[in-house]
């Protein structure tokens, strides 16, 4: 399962559309991401689309914007 999570993270990262979060840490076989840049859609739209088109269960928790100092 870790291999699948790493492959998914690598593909998301290489698309240039996502920022993979915490991929350098030892973790459960999961991938956390956020959108890179501004788009007309958000992470909840992606979760809905994956559920509608592929039947995937994609938990979605909105993250707070990063504070800049």
PDB file of N, CA and C in Angstrom:
ATOM      1  N   UNK A   1       0.804  -1.193   0.000  1.00  0.00           N
ATOM      2  CA  UNK A   1       0.000   0.000   0.000  1.00  0.00           C
ATOM      3  C   UNK A   1       0.850   1.261   0.000  1.00  0.00           C
ATOM      4  N   UNK A   2       1.976   1.211   0.698  1.00  0.00           N
ATOM      5  CA  UNK A   2       2.868   2.379   0.706  1.00  0.00           C
ATOM      6  C   UNK A   2       3.337   2.696  -0.705  1.00  0.00           C
ATOM      7  N   UNK A   3       3.613   1.654  -1.477  1.00  0.00           N
ATOM      8  CA  UNK A   3       4.078   1.858  -2.850  1.00  0.00           C
ATOM      9  C   UNK A   3       3.006   2.569  -3.680  1.00  0.00           C
ATOM     10  N   UNK A   4       1.746   2.187  -3.496  1.00  0.00           N
ATOM     11  CA  UNK A   4       0.647   2.855  -4.201  1.00  0.00           C
ATOM     12  C   UNK A   4       0.539   4.320  -3.797  1.00  0.00           C
ATOM     13  N   UNK A   5       0.661   4.590  -2.493  1.00  0.00           N
ATOM     14  CA  UNK A   5       0.581   5.969  -2.005  1.00  0.00           C
ATOM     15  C   UNK A   5       1.723   6.805  -2.575  1.00  0.00           C
ATOM     16  N   UNK A   6       2.927   6.231  -2.615  1.00  0.00           N
ATOM     17  CA  UNK A   6       4.070   6.968  -3.176  1.00  0.00           C
ATOM     18  C   UNK A   6       3.877   7.238  -4.665  1.00  0.00           C
ATOM     19  N   UNK A   7       3.373   6.245  -5.399  1.00  0.00           N
ATOM     20  CA  UNK A   7       3.143   6.424  -6.837  1.00  0.00           C
ATOM     21  C   UNK A   7       2.100   7.510  -7.087  1.00  0.00           C
ATOM     22  N   UNK A   8       1.016   7.506  -6.310  1.00  0.00           N
ATOM     23  CA  UNK A   8      -0.011   8.534  -6.455  1.00  0.00           C
ATOM     24  C   UNK A   8       0.561   9.912  -6.137  1.00  0.00           C
ATOM     25  N   UNK A   9       1.312  10.004  -5.039  1.00  0.00           N
ATOM     26  CA  UNK A   9       1.921  11.283  -4.663  1.00  0.00           C
ATOM     27  C   UNK A   9       2.864  11.781  -5.756  1.00  0.00           C
ATOM     28  N   UNK A  10       3.673  10.904  -6.307  1.00  0.00           N
ATOM     29  CA  UNK A  10       4.598  11.298  -7.377  1.00  0.00           C
ATOM     30  C   UNK A  10       3.848  11.804  -8.602  1.00  0.00           C
ATOM     31  N   UNK A  11       2.761  11.120  -8.967  1.00  0.00           N
ATOM     32  CA  UNK A  11       1.981  11.551 -10.131  1.00  0.00           C
ATOM     33  C   UNK A  11       1.273  12.881  -9.889  1.00  0.00           C
ATOM     34  N   UNK A  12       0.732  13.072  -8.687  1.00  0.00           N
ATOM     35  CA  UNK A  12       0.098  14.355  -8.372  1.00  0.00           C
ATOM     36  C   UNK A  12       1.120  15.485  -8.441  1.00  0.00           C
ATOM     37  N   UNK A  13       2.288  15.253  -7.823  1.00  0.00           N
ATOM     38  CA  UNK A  13       3.341  16.270  -7.799  1.00  0.00           C
ATOM     39  C   UNK A  13       3.820  16.593  -9.212  1.00  0.00           C
ATOM     40  N   UNK A  14       4.042  15.581 -10.033  1.00  0.00           N
ATOM     41  CA  UNK A  14       4.589  15.811 -11.374  1.00  0.00           C
ATOM     42  C   UNK A  14       3.584  16.485 -12.308  1.00  0.00           C
ATOM     43  N   UNK A  15       2.294  16.445 -11.967  1.00  0.00           N
ATOM     44  CA  UNK A  15       1.296  17.129 -12.801  1.00  0.00           C
ATOM     45  C   UNK A  15       1.441  18.642 -12.709  1.00  0.00           C
ATOM     46  N   UNK A  16       2.053  19.126 -11.616  1.00  0.00           N
ATOM     47  CA  UNK A  16       2.210  20.561 -11.420  1.00  0.00           C
ATOM     48  C   UNK A  16       0.955  21.246 -10.900  1.00  0.00           C
ATOM     49  N   UNK A  17      -0.116  20.501 -10.720  1.00  0.00           N
ATOM     50  CA  UNK A  17      -1.381  21.089 -10.270  1.00  0.00           C
ATOM     51  C   UNK A  17      -1.619  20.942  -8.772  1.00  0.00           C
ATOM     52  N   UNK A  18      -0.808  20.111  -8.118  1.00  0.00           N
ATOM     53  CA  UNK A  18      -1.013  19.831  -6.708  1.00  0.00           C
ATOM     54  C   UNK A  18       0.282  19.990  -5.933  1.00  0.00           C
ATOM     55  N   UNK A  19       0.143  20.313  -4.641  1.00  0.00           N
ATOM     56  CA  UNK A  19       1.256  20.288  -3.703  1.00  0.00           C
ATOM     57  C   UNK A  19       0.987  19.114  -2.771  1.00  0.00           C
ATOM     58  N   UNK A  20       1.892  18.158  -2.725  1.00  0.00           N
ATOM     59  CA  UNK A  20       1.739  17.008  -1.838  1.00  0.00           C
ATOM     60  C   UNK A  20       2.249  17.417  -0.468  1.00  0.00           C
ATOM     61  N   UNK A  21       1.474  17.123   0.564  1.00  0.00           N
ATOM     62  CA  UNK A  21       1.772  17.570   1.924  1.00  0.00           C
ATOM     63  C   UNK A  21       2.323  16.410   2.738  1.00  0.00           C
ATOM     64  N   UNK A  22       3.487  16.594   3.359  1.00  0.00           N
ATOM     65  CA  UNK A  22       4.036  15.597   4.268  1.00  0.00           C
ATOM     66  C   UNK A  22       4.539  14.326   3.619  1.00  0.00           C
ATOM     67  N   UNK A  23       4.852  14.356   2.331  1.00  0.00           N
ATOM     68  CA  UNK A  23       5.273  13.126   1.649  1.00  0.00           C
ATOM     69  C   UNK A  23       6.644  12.640   2.102  1.00  0.00           C
ATOM     70  N   UNK A  24       7.403  13.492   2.761  1.00  0.00           N
ATOM     71  CA  UNK A  24       8.732  13.099   3.225  1.00  0.00           C
ATOM     72  C   UNK A  24       8.691  12.437   4.608  1.00  0.00           C
ATOM     73  N   UNK A  25       7.504  12.342   5.201  1.00  0.00           N
ATOM     74  CA  UNK A  25       7.359  11.766   6.531  1.00  0.00           C
ATOM     75  C   UNK A  25       6.881  10.323   6.445  1.00  0.00           C
ATOM     76  N   UNK A  26       7.296   9.503   7.410  1.00  0.00           N
ATOM     77  CA  UNK A  26       6.768   8.136   7.502  1.00  0.00           C
ATOM     78  C   UNK A  26       5.297   8.251   7.867  1.00  0.00           C
ATOM     79  N   UNK A  27       4.451   7.570   7.151  1.00  0.00           N
ATOM     80  CA  UNK A  27       3.019   7.772   7.358  1.00  0.00           C
ATOM     81  C   UNK A  27       2.206   6.551   6.965  1.00  0.00           C
ATOM     82  N   UNK A  28       0.927   6.649   7.204  1.00  0.00           N
ATOM     83  CA  UNK A  28      -0.012   5.647   6.711  1.00  0.00           C
ATOM     84  C   UNK A  28      -0.020   5.721   5.191  1.00  0.00           C
ATOM     85  N   UNK A  29      -0.485   4.680   4.516  1.00  0.00           N
ATOM     86  CA  UNK A  29      -0.520   4.726   3.046  1.00  0.00           C
ATOM     87  C   UNK A  29      -1.651   5.627   2.547  1.00  0.00           C
ATOM     88  N   UNK A  30      -1.420   6.931   2.650  1.00  0.00           N
ATOM     89  CA  UNK A  30      -2.390   7.902   2.172  1.00  0.00           C
ATOM     90  C   UNK A  30      -1.651   9.078   1.568  1.00  0.00           C
ATOM     91  N   UNK A  31      -2.378   9.900   0.855  1.00  0.00           N
ATOM     92  CA  UNK A  31      -1.786  11.073   0.225  1.00  0.00           C
ATOM     93  C   UNK A  31      -2.621  12.282   0.602  1.00  0.00           C
ATOM     94  N   UNK A  32      -1.976  13.306   1.131  1.00  0.00           N
ATOM     95  CA  UNK A  32      -2.642  14.576   1.428  1.00  0.00           C
ATOM     96  C   UNK A  32      -2.123  15.601   0.439  1.00  0.00           C
ATOM     97  N   UNK A  33      -3.039  16.403  -0.094  1.00  0.00           N
ATOM     98  CA  UNK A  33      -2.630  17.388  -1.093  1.00  0.00           C
ATOM     99  C   UNK A  33      -3.494  18.627  -1.013  1.00  0.00           C
ATOM    100  N   UNK A  34      -3.011  19.681  -1.642  1.00  0.00           N
ATOM    101  CA  UNK A  34      -3.798  20.890  -1.864  1.00  0.00           C
ATOM    102  C   UNK A  34      -3.497  21.357  -3.274  1.00  0.00           C
ATOM    103  N   UNK A  35      -4.369  22.160  -3.818  1.00  0.00           N
ATOM    104  CA  UNK A  35      -4.159  22.675  -5.167  1.00  0.00           C
ATOM    105  C   UNK A  35      -3.026  23.686  -5.167  1.00  0.00           C
ATOM    106  N   UNK A  36      -2.230  23.650  -6.197  1.00  0.00           N
ATOM    107  CA  UNK A  36      -1.163  24.635  -6.378  1.00  0.00           C
ATOM    108  C   UNK A  36      -1.725  25.762  -7.238  1.00  0.00           C
ATOM    109  N   UNK A  37      -1.602  26.984  -6.790  1.00  0.00           N
ATOM    110  CA  UNK A  37      -2.095  28.112  -7.571  1.00  0.00           C
ATOM    111  C   UNK A  37      -3.591  28.312  -7.419  1.00  0.00           C
ATOM    112  N   UNK A  38      -4.119  29.249  -8.199  1.00  0.00           N
ATOM    113  CA  UNK A  38      -5.546  29.572  -8.148  1.00  0.00           C
ATOM    114  C   UNK A  38      -6.272  28.898  -9.304  1.00  0.00           C
ATOM    115  N   UNK A  39      -7.471  28.397  -9.002  1.00  0.00           N
ATOM    116  CA  UNK A  39      -8.281  27.689  -9.990  1.00  0.00           C
ATOM    117  C   UNK A  39      -9.743  28.053  -9.790  1.00  0.00           C
ATOM    118  N   UNK A  40     -10.563  27.744 -10.768  1.00  0.00           N
ATOM    119  CA  UNK A  40     -12.008  27.978 -10.672  1.00  0.00           C
ATOM    120  C   UNK A  40     -12.685  26.872  -9.864  1.00  0.00           C
ATOM    121  N   UNK A  41     -11.927  25.905  -9.371  1.00  0.00           N
ATOM    122  CA  UNK A  41     -12.443  24.787  -8.594  1.00  0.00           C
ATOM    123  C   UNK A  41     -11.565  24.616  -7.363  1.00  0.00           C
ATOM    124  N   UNK A  42     -12.039  23.828  -6.396  1.00  0.00           N
ATOM    125  CA  UNK A  42     -11.243  23.591  -5.193  1.00  0.00           C
ATOM    126  C   UNK A  42     -11.167  22.091  -4.898  1.00  0.00           C
ATOM    127  N   UNK A  43     -10.536  21.756  -3.776  1.00  0.00           N
ATOM    128  CA  UNK A  43     -10.327  20.353  -3.428  1.00  0.00           C
ATOM    129  C   UNK A  43     -11.644  19.595  -3.260  1.00  0.00           C
ATOM    130  N   UNK A  44     -12.680  20.266  -2.751  1.00  0.00           N
ATOM    131  CA  UNK A  44     -13.964  19.577  -2.591  1.00  0.00           C
ATOM    132  C   UNK A  44     -14.566  19.224  -3.951  1.00  0.00           C
ATOM    133  N   UNK A  45     -14.334  20.055  -4.961  1.00  0.00           N
ATOM    134  CA  UNK A  45     -14.798  19.740  -6.315  1.00  0.00           C
ATOM    135  C   UNK A  45     -14.088  18.493  -6.857  1.00  0.00           C
ATOM    136  N   UNK A  46     -12.802  18.380  -6.577  1.00  0.00           N
ATOM    137  CA  UNK A  46     -12.042  17.209  -7.028  1.00  0.00           C
ATOM    138  C   UNK A  46     -12.546  15.953  -6.319  1.00  0.00           C
ATOM    139  N   UNK A  47     -12.782  16.048  -5.004  1.00  0.00           N
ATOM    140  CA  UNK A  47     -13.306  14.903  -4.254  1.00  0.00           C
ATOM    141  C   UNK A  47     -14.657  14.469  -4.815  1.00  0.00           C
ATOM    142  N   UNK A  48     -15.526  15.424  -5.119  1.00  0.00           N
ATOM    143  CA  UNK A  48     -16.839  15.100  -5.676  1.00  0.00           C
ATOM    144  C   UNK A  48     -16.699  14.424  -7.034  1.00  0.00           C
ATOM    145  N   UNK A  49     -15.832  14.957  -7.876  1.00  0.00           N
ATOM    146  CA  UNK A  49     -15.650  14.405  -9.228  1.00  0.00           C
ATOM    147  C   UNK A  49     -15.122  12.971  -9.171  1.00  0.00           C
ATOM    148  N   UNK A  50     -14.151  12.718  -8.294  1.00  0.00           N
ATOM    149  CA  UNK A  50     -13.617  11.360  -8.161  1.00  0.00           C
ATOM    150  C   UNK A  50     -14.684  10.394  -7.657  1.00  0.00           C
ATOM    151  N   UNK A  51     -15.541  10.866  -6.775  1.00  0.00           N
ATOM    152  CA  UNK A  51     -16.634  10.035  -6.281  1.00  0.00           C
ATOM    153  C   UNK A  51     -17.656   9.759  -7.378  1.00  0.00           C
ATOM    154  N   UNK A  52     -18.030  10.791  -8.118  1.00  0.00           N
ATOM    155  CA  UNK A  52     -19.054  10.651  -9.158  1.00  0.00           C
ATOM    156  C   UNK A  52     -18.579   9.803 -10.335  1.00  0.00           C
ATOM    157  N   UNK A  53     -17.341  10.021 -10.761  1.00  0.00           N
ATOM    158  CA  UNK A  53     -16.848   9.338 -11.959  1.00  0.00           C
ATOM    159  C   UNK A  53     -16.257   7.961 -11.691  1.00  0.00           C
ATOM    160  N   UNK A  54     -15.621   7.802 -10.533  1.00  0.00           N
ATOM    161  CA  UNK A  54     -14.891   6.555 -10.282  1.00  0.00           C
ATOM    162  C   UNK A  54     -15.385   5.773  -9.075  1.00  0.00           C
ATOM    163  N   UNK A  55     -16.277   6.381  -8.292  1.00  0.00           N
ATOM    164  CA  UNK A  55     -16.764   5.712  -7.091  1.00  0.00           C
ATOM    165  C   UNK A  55     -15.766   5.718  -5.949  1.00  0.00           C
ATOM    166  N   UNK A  56     -14.754   6.582  -6.022  1.00  0.00           N
ATOM    167  CA  UNK A  56     -13.736   6.650  -4.979  1.00  0.00           C
ATOM    168  C   UNK A  56     -14.285   7.418  -3.783  1.00  0.00           C
ATOM    169  N   UNK A  57     -13.901   6.979  -2.598  1.00  0.00           N
ATOM    170  CA  UNK A  57     -14.226   7.720  -1.387  1.00  0.00           C
ATOM    171  C   UNK A  57     -13.020   8.589  -1.060  1.00  0.00           C
ATOM    172  N   UNK A  58     -13.178   9.888  -1.206  1.00  0.00           N
ATOM    173  CA  UNK A  58     -12.077  10.820  -0.977  1.00  0.00           C
ATOM    174  C   UNK A  58     -12.480  11.762   0.152  1.00  0.00           C
ATOM    175  N   UNK A  59     -11.997  11.494   1.381  1.00  0.00           N
ATOM    176  CA  UNK A  59     -12.327  12.402   2.480  1.00  0.00           C
ATOM    177  C   UNK A  59     -11.809  13.801   2.168  1.00  0.00           C
ATOM    178  N   UNK A  60     -12.571  14.797   2.554  1.00  0.00           N
ATOM    179  CA  UNK A  60     -12.170  16.174   2.274  1.00  0.00           C
ATOM    180  C   UNK A  60     -12.336  17.010   3.527  1.00  0.00           C
ATOM    181  N   UNK A  61     -11.273  17.632   3.940  1.00  0.00           N
ATOM    182  CA  UNK A  61     -11.307  18.563   5.053  1.00  0.00           C
ATOM    183  C   UNK A  61     -10.654  19.849   4.582  1.00  0.00           C
ATOM    184  N   UNK A  62     -11.410  20.925   4.498  1.00  0.00           N
ATOM    185  CA  UNK A  62     -10.801  22.184   4.055  1.00  0.00           C
ATOM    186  C   UNK A  62      -9.673  22.587   5.003  1.00  0.00           C
ATOM    187  N   UNK A  63      -8.576  23.027   4.450  1.00  0.00           N
ATOM    188  CA  UNK A  63      -7.465  23.484   5.280  1.00  0.00           C
ATOM    189  C   UNK A  63      -7.504  24.999   5.371  1.00  0.00           C
ATOM    190  N   UNK A  64      -6.932  25.493   6.443  1.00  0.00           N
ATOM    191  CA  UNK A  64      -6.860  26.942   6.612  1.00  0.00           C
ATOM    192  C   UNK A  64      -5.803  27.493   5.673  1.00  0.00           C
ATOM    193  N   UNK A  65      -6.000  28.697   5.184  1.00  0.00           N
ATOM    194  CA  UNK A  65      -4.967  29.307   4.336  1.00  0.00           C
ATOM    195  C   UNK A  65      -3.657  29.447   5.109  1.00  0.00           C
ATOM    196  N   UNK A  66      -2.554  29.312   4.414  1.00  0.00           N
ATOM    197  CA  UNK A  66      -1.241  29.458   5.033  1.00  0.00           C
ATOM    198  C   UNK A  66      -1.025  30.905   5.433  1.00  0.00           C
ATOM    199  N   UNK A  67      -0.599  31.113   6.673  1.00  0.00           N
ATOM    200  CA  UNK A  67      -0.308  32.478   7.128  1.00  0.00           C
ATOM    201  C   UNK A  67       1.057  32.887   6.628  1.00  0.00           C
ATOM    202  N   UNK A  68       1.139  34.043   6.097  1.00  0.00           N
ATOM    203  CA  UNK A  68       2.427  34.575   5.633  1.00  0.00           C
ATOM    204  C   UNK A  68       2.876  35.645   6.605  1.00  0.00           C
ATOM    205  N   UNK A  69       4.141  35.630   6.927  1.00  0.00           N
ATOM    206  CA  UNK A  69       4.689  36.629   7.861  1.00  0.00           C
ATOM    207  C   UNK A  69       5.537  37.602   7.123  1.00  0.00           C
TER     208      UNK A  69
END
